[in-house]
Protein backbone atom coordinates (compact mmCIF):
# COMPACT_ATOMS: atom_id res chain seq x y z
CA MET A 1 49.42 -8.71 -63.65
CA LYS A 2 46.07 -10.11 -62.51
CA LEU A 3 46.77 -13.39 -64.30
CA SER A 4 50.06 -13.92 -62.46
CA THR A 5 48.41 -13.07 -59.13
CA LEU A 6 45.66 -15.59 -59.83
CA PHE A 7 48.20 -18.23 -60.87
CA PHE A 8 50.27 -17.88 -57.70
CA SER A 9 47.16 -17.78 -55.50
CA VAL A 10 45.93 -21.07 -56.96
CA LEU A 11 49.43 -22.58 -56.72
CA PHE A 12 49.81 -21.69 -53.04
CA LEU A 13 46.30 -22.94 -52.30
CA HIS A 14 47.14 -26.37 -53.73
CA ILE A 15 50.49 -26.54 -51.94
CA GLY A 16 48.71 -25.82 -48.66
CA LEU A 17 46.22 -28.63 -49.27
CA LEU A 18 48.96 -31.15 -50.07
CA LYS A 19 51.14 -30.20 -47.13
CA GLY A 20 49.01 -31.99 -44.52
CA GLN A 21 48.60 -35.27 -46.39
CA VAL A 22 50.65 -38.29 -45.35
CA GLN A 23 51.08 -41.25 -47.65
CA ASN A 24 52.41 -44.73 -46.89
CA ILE A 25 53.29 -43.92 -43.26
CA THR A 26 51.96 -45.84 -40.26
CA LEU A 27 52.68 -44.86 -36.66
CA LYS A 28 53.90 -48.03 -34.94
CA GLY A 29 54.89 -46.66 -31.53
CA HIS A 30 55.56 -43.51 -29.54
CA LEU A 31 57.93 -42.52 -26.75
CA SER A 32 57.62 -39.25 -24.81
CA PHE A 33 60.58 -37.35 -23.36
CA ASP A 34 60.74 -34.91 -20.44
CA SER A 35 63.07 -32.66 -22.42
CA LYS A 36 62.60 -31.11 -25.86
CA ALA A 37 64.22 -32.98 -28.74
CA ASN A 38 66.39 -31.22 -31.30
CA ASP A 39 67.85 -34.02 -33.47
CA ILE A 40 67.35 -37.69 -34.24
CA TRP A 41 69.55 -40.21 -36.01
CA GLY A 42 69.28 -43.92 -36.70
CA TYR A 43 71.79 -46.67 -36.00
CA THR A 44 71.74 -50.39 -36.79
CA ALA A 45 73.85 -52.59 -34.49
CA PRO A 46 75.86 -55.54 -35.87
CA ASP A 47 73.14 -57.93 -34.61
CA GLY A 48 70.53 -56.06 -36.70
CA THR A 49 68.82 -54.24 -33.82
CA GLU A 50 67.83 -50.72 -34.80
CA TYR A 51 68.22 -47.77 -32.45
CA ALA A 52 67.03 -44.17 -32.48
CA LEU A 53 69.64 -41.73 -31.18
CA VAL A 54 67.70 -38.73 -29.90
CA GLY A 55 69.37 -35.40 -29.16
CA LEU A 56 67.63 -33.72 -26.25
CA ARG A 57 68.28 -30.42 -24.50
CA SER A 58 69.71 -32.31 -21.53
CA GLY A 59 71.68 -35.04 -23.33
CA VAL A 60 71.31 -37.98 -25.72
CA SER A 61 68.75 -40.77 -25.40
CA ILE A 62 69.43 -44.16 -26.99
CA VAL A 63 66.14 -45.87 -27.84
CA SER A 64 65.85 -49.52 -28.82
CA LEU A 65 63.49 -50.19 -31.71
CA ALA A 66 63.69 -53.98 -31.37
CA ASP A 67 59.93 -53.88 -30.73
CA PRO A 68 58.72 -50.92 -32.83
CA ALA A 69 55.33 -50.91 -31.10
CA ASN A 70 57.07 -50.40 -27.73
CA PRO A 71 60.25 -48.33 -28.14
CA THR A 72 62.32 -48.32 -24.96
CA GLU A 73 65.08 -46.04 -23.76
CA VAL A 74 68.10 -48.26 -23.07
CA ALA A 75 70.56 -45.50 -22.13
CA PHE A 76 70.74 -41.79 -21.47
CA ILE A 77 73.97 -39.84 -21.75
CA GLU A 78 73.69 -36.59 -19.84
CA GLY A 79 75.16 -33.46 -21.38
CA GLU A 80 75.27 -29.73 -20.85
CA GLU A 81 71.91 -28.01 -21.29
CA SER A 82 71.73 -26.98 -24.95
CA ILE A 83 69.05 -26.07 -27.48
CA TRP A 84 71.18 -27.59 -30.25
CA ARG A 85 72.72 -31.03 -30.38
CA ASP A 86 73.78 -32.67 -33.66
CA LEU A 87 74.21 -36.46 -33.94
CA ARG A 88 75.94 -38.55 -36.61
CA THR A 89 77.13 -42.13 -36.74
CA ARG A 90 80.30 -43.43 -38.34
CA GLY A 91 80.95 -47.14 -38.11
CA HIS A 92 79.90 -48.22 -34.63
CA TYR A 93 80.37 -44.77 -33.06
CA CYS A 94 77.98 -41.88 -32.53
CA TYR A 95 79.41 -38.38 -32.56
CA VAL A 96 77.56 -35.61 -30.75
CA VAL A 97 78.32 -31.91 -31.11
């Protein structure tokens, strides 16, 4: 019994240490929102421009990542106030529920 307790204690200790480590990730830019976010989805336009589709409590923000160091909101689609908004793309359309 003591051996299994020791094993799980050591296992959870190591998992906790690894949890905070980030590998091969570099923060290129940041964009703050007035509303809390609850989902994010990516979209690549036919011309190759990448966009972040951000579900917010108050609607959906479309963010251009053409310059990753300076992401810019190019459109905001207002919606009903909601703590849950799910986004998915299919072809050149974004569906929001």
